[in-house]
Each structure stands twice: as structure tokens, then as C-alpha cells.
N, C-alpha and C. Protein backbone atom coordinates (compact mmCIF):
# COMPACT_ATOMS: atom_id res chain seq x y z
N UNK A 1 12.63 -1.03 7.90
CA UNK A 1 12.03 0.09 7.12
C UNK A 1 10.89 -0.16 7.29
N UNK A 2 10.31 1.65 8.38
CA UNK A 2 9.09 2.45 8.32
C UNK A 2 8.37 2.72 7.17
N UNK A 3 7.63 2.33 7.13
CA UNK A 3 6.72 3.01 5.83
C UNK A 3 5.93 4.60 6.55
N UNK A 4 6.05 5.57 6.02
CA UNK A 4 5.42 6.07 6.48
C UNK A 4 4.15 7.66 5.37
N UNK A 5 4.41 7.10 4.17
CA UNK A 5 3.16 7.22 3.65
C UNK A 5 2.24 6.39 2.34
N UNK A 6 0.94 6.23 2.09
CA UNK A 6 0.76 5.04 0.83
C UNK A 6 1.54 5.21 -0.21
N UNK A 7 2.41 6.06 -1.00
CA UNK A 7 2.93 5.56 -2.14
C UNK A 7 3.94 4.49 -1.16
N UNK A 8 5.11 5.10 -0.53
CA UNK A 8 5.99 4.21 0.11
C UNK A 8 5.61 3.09 0.57
N UNK A 9 4.55 3.20 0.78
CA UNK A 9 3.75 1.73 1.41
C UNK A 9 3.63 0.66 -0.37
N UNK A 10 2.96 1.22 -1.70
CA UNK A 10 2.66 0.62 -2.77
C UNK A 10 4.38 0.08 -3.02
N UNK A 11 5.06 1.41 -2.92
CA UNK A 11 6.38 0.61 -3.59
C UNK A 11 7.15 -0.78 -2.72
N UNK A 12 7.14 -0.39 -1.19
CA UNK A 12 7.50 -1.16 -1.01
C UNK A 12 7.01 -2.84 -1.03
N UNK A 13 5.94 -2.82 -1.40
CA UNK A 13 4.77 -4.10 -1.69
C UNK A 13 5.23 -4.39 -2.99
N UNK A 14 5.16 -3.23 -4.22
CA UNK A 14 5.69 -3.89 -5.08
C UNK A 14 6.88 -4.49 -5.18
N UNK A 15 7.87 -3.94 -4.74
CA UNK A 15 9.54 -4.58 -4.49
C UNK A 15 9.63 -5.92 -3.77
N UNK A 16 9.36 -6.12 -2.63
CA UNK A 16 9.37 -7.53 -1.85
C UNK A 16 8.39 -8.45 -2.97
N UNK A 17 7.39 -8.50 -3.95
CA UNK A 17 6.52 -9.19 -4.70
C UNK A 17 7.42 -9.31 -5.87
N UNK A 18 8.05 -8.65 -6.37
CA UNK A 18 8.28 -8.19 -7.34
C UNK A 18 7.36 -8.08 -8.91
N UNK A 19 6.90 -7.35 -8.48
CA UNK A 19 5.55 -6.74 -9.27
C UNK A 19 5.53 -5.13 -10.13
N UNK A 20 4.98 -5.71 -10.69
CA UNK A 20 5.04 -4.12 -11.46
C UNK A 20 3.70 -3.13 -11.28
N UNK A 21 3.08 -2.52 -11.54
CA UNK A 21 1.81 -1.46 -11.30
C UNK A 21 1.03 -2.22 -11.93
N UNK A 22 1.07 -2.85 -13.49
CA UNK A 22 0.35 -4.03 -13.70
C UNK A 22 0.29 -4.81 -12.92
N UNK A 23 0.97 -6.08 -12.28
CA UNK A 23 0.93 -6.88 -10.98
C UNK A 23 -0.32 -6.31 -10.33
N UNK A 24 0.40 -5.55 -9.77
CA UNK A 24 -0.11 -4.57 -8.10
C UNK A 24 -1.69 -4.60 -8.73
N UNK A 25 -2.15 -4.30 -9.66
CA UNK A 25 -3.56 -3.23 -9.66
C UNK A 25 -3.71 -4.41 -10.18
N UNK A 26 -4.30 -5.42 -10.48
CA UNK A 26 -4.09 -6.69 -11.79
C UNK A 26 -4.66 -7.40 -9.90
N UNK A 27 -4.11 -7.27 -9.23
CA UNK A 27 -4.24 -8.41 -7.43
C UNK A 27 -5.18 -7.44 -7.06
N UNK A 28 -4.82 -6.35 -6.50
CA UNK A 28 -6.31 -4.89 -6.28
C UNK A 28 -7.52 -5.46 -7.10
N UNK A 29 -8.05 -5.47 -8.35
CA UNK A 29 -8.71 -5.20 -9.66
C UNK A 29 -9.03 -4.05 -10.13
N UNK A 30 -8.07 -3.63 -10.08
CA UNK A 30 -7.42 -1.77 -10.67
C UNK A 30 -6.58 -1.86 -11.30
N UNK A 31 -6.86 -0.52 -12.10
CA UNK A 31 -5.72 -0.46 -13.28
C UNK A 31 -4.71 -0.13 -12.94
N UNK A 32 -3.33 -0.44 -14.11
CA UNK A 32 -1.74 0.43 -13.55
C UNK A 32 -1.76 1.73 -13.49
N UNK A 33 -3.12 2.68 -13.68
CA UNK A 33 -3.21 4.05 -14.19
C UNK A 33 -3.33 3.92 -12.70
N UNK A 34 -3.72 3.93 -12.18
CA UNK A 34 -4.88 4.27 -10.30
C UNK A 34 -3.83 3.82 -10.05
N UNK A 35 -3.19 2.85 -9.86
CA UNK A 35 -1.84 2.26 -9.27
C UNK A 35 -0.53 3.14 -9.60
N UNK A 36 -0.61 4.10 -10.74
CA UNK A 36 0.45 5.53 -10.71
C UNK A 36 -0.54 6.02 -10.02
N UNK A 37 -1.25 6.65 -9.77
CA UNK A 37 -2.30 7.20 -9.66
C UNK A 37 -1.60 7.82 -7.68
N UNK A 38 -1.65 6.50 -7.52
CA UNK A 38 -1.68 6.17 -6.22
C UNK A 38 -0.13 6.65 -5.36
N UNK A 39 0.82 6.07 -6.45
CA UNK A 39 2.01 6.36 -6.89
C UNK A 39 2.36 8.10 -6.48
N UNK A 40 1.89 8.54 -7.22
CA UNK A 40 1.94 10.11 -7.31
C UNK A 40 1.51 10.59 -6.24
N UNK A 41 0.85 10.06 -4.93
CA UNK A 41 0.27 10.23 -4.20
C UNK A 41 -0.59 11.41 -4.72
N UNK A 42 -1.54 11.10 -5.72
CA UNK A 42 -2.54 11.89 -6.42
C UNK A 42 -4.16 10.52 -5.92
N UNK A 43 -4.00 9.64 -5.55
CA UNK A 43 -5.14 8.88 -5.66
C UNK A 43 -4.97 7.83 -4.36
N UNK A 44 -5.83 8.64 -3.03
CA UNK A 44 -5.30 8.22 -1.61
C UNK A 44 -7.03 7.08 -1.07
N UNK A 45 -6.41 6.59 -0.27
CA UNK A 45 -7.62 4.84 0.12
C UNK A 45 -8.25 4.91 1.30
N UNK A 46 -9.33 4.82 1.16
CA UNK A 46 -9.93 4.43 2.42
C UNK A 46 -9.46 3.64 3.26
N UNK A 47 -8.60 3.70 4.50
CA UNK A 47 -8.26 2.68 5.23
C UNK A 47 -9.13 1.82 5.50
N UNK A 48 -10.60 1.51 5.28
CA UNK A 48 -11.03 0.25 5.73
C UNK A 48 -10.94 -0.85 3.95
N UNK A 49 -10.66 -0.01 2.69
CA UNK A 49 -10.52 -0.05 1.67
C UNK A 49 -9.08 -0.86 1.42
N UNK A 50 -7.74 -0.03 2.27
CA UNK A 50 -6.52 -0.64 2.54
C UNK A 50 -6.09 -1.60 3.01
N UNK A 51 -7.51 -1.88 4.26
CA UNK A 51 -7.11 -2.96 5.55
C UNK A 51 -7.19 -4.51 3.67
N UNK A 52 -9.00 -3.81 3.27
CA UNK A 52 -8.84 -5.48 2.59
C UNK A 52 -8.00 -5.72 1.23
N UNK A 53 -7.51 -4.65 0.70
CA UNK A 53 -6.75 -4.80 -0.86
C UNK A 53 -5.37 -5.36 -0.12
N UNK A 54 -4.96 -5.38 1.13
CA UNK A 54 -3.28 -5.74 1.70
C UNK A 54 -4.52 -6.80 1.93
N UNK A 55 -5.27 -7.58 2.65
CA UNK A 55 -5.38 -8.68 2.73
C UNK A 55 -5.22 -9.71 2.22
N UNK A 56 -5.55 -9.82 0.66
CA UNK A 56 -5.89 -10.33 -0.44
C UNK A 56 -4.50 -10.65 -1.01
N UNK A 57 -3.54 -9.69 -0.77
CA UNK A 57 -2.33 -10.27 -1.20
C UNK A 57 -1.30 -10.25 -0.55
N UNK A 58 -2.04 -10.89 0.94
CA UNK A 58 -1.09 -11.90 1.54
C UNK A 58 0.19 -10.67 2.67
N UNK A 59 -0.41 -9.28 3.50
CA UNK A 59 0.12 -8.42 4.19
C UNK A 59 -1.35 -7.95 4.80
N UNK A 60 -1.13 -7.83 6.30
CA UNK A 60 -2.25 -6.78 7.25
C UNK A 60 -1.68 -5.69 7.89
N UNK A 61 -2.52 -4.51 7.71
CA UNK A 61 -2.49 -3.48 8.34
C UNK A 61 -2.74 -3.66 9.80
N UNK A 62 -1.33 -2.53 10.92
CA UNK A 62 -0.62 -3.17 12.05
C UNK A 62 -0.74 -1.76 12.18
N UNK A 63 -1.54 -0.88 13.43
CA UNK A 63 -1.34 -0.09 14.42
C UNK A 63 -0.97 -0.27 15.31
N UNK A 64 0.40 0.15 16.11
CA UNK A 64 1.13 0.29 17.55
C UNK A 64 1.49 1.37 17.25
N UNK A 65 1.36 1.56 18.84
CA UNK A 65 2.22 2.63 19.34
C UNK A 65 3.68 2.78 19.40
N UNK A 66 4.14 4.56 18.68
CA UNK A 66 5.47 4.37 19.29
C UNK A 66 6.49 3.92 20.31
N UNK A 67 7.64 3.69 20.16
CA UNK A 67 7.94 2.74 21.35
C UNK A 67 8.58 3.88 22.34
N UNK A 68 8.74 4.75 21.65
CA UNK A 68 9.56 5.99 22.56
C UNK A 68 7.92 6.54 23.02
N UNK A 69 6.97 6.49 22.84
CA UNK A 69 5.35 7.05 23.44
C UNK A 69 5.24 8.84 22.97
N UNK A 70 6.39 9.00 22.17
CA UNK A 70 5.94 10.53 21.97
C UNK A 70 4.46 10.72 20.40
N UNK A 71 4.54 11.61 20.23
CA UNK A 71 3.38 11.90 19.42
C UNK A 71 4.64 12.02 17.98
């Protein structure tokens, strides 16, 4: 699956780990309400914060060129 935005990423992580919004919030040191805002597209995360938060729960952020080289 290709993740296209932050809410999709958070949903995929919760599904992969079998976590609730509260579980993810606790792991990230945030509230369940904060996770809900992210899922609703009302809360953004800076790139460096996202990379750190993902690392804390066993993920890494990888950026690569599209296989077909198109924009």
C-alpha cells in the first residue's frame, strides 16, 4: 500500500499494530484527542517530528524517487 498523506499513515500504523488512537497517542506522548485531530487532517506534524515519532514505535521514514521518474 502506498501512503499518500498523514491521516493515511496514522491509520495504517494503528491497523498494523492493532492500536487504538489512545495507544498511539500514549506511545507518541500525545493525547487521544491529538491523534484524532491528525486523523481528521486538522493537525500537521513537522517532518523532523514525524521522523522521530515513527522511530519511537519501530518505523522509519523513507523517501525515494517514483519508479517511473515522473512528477
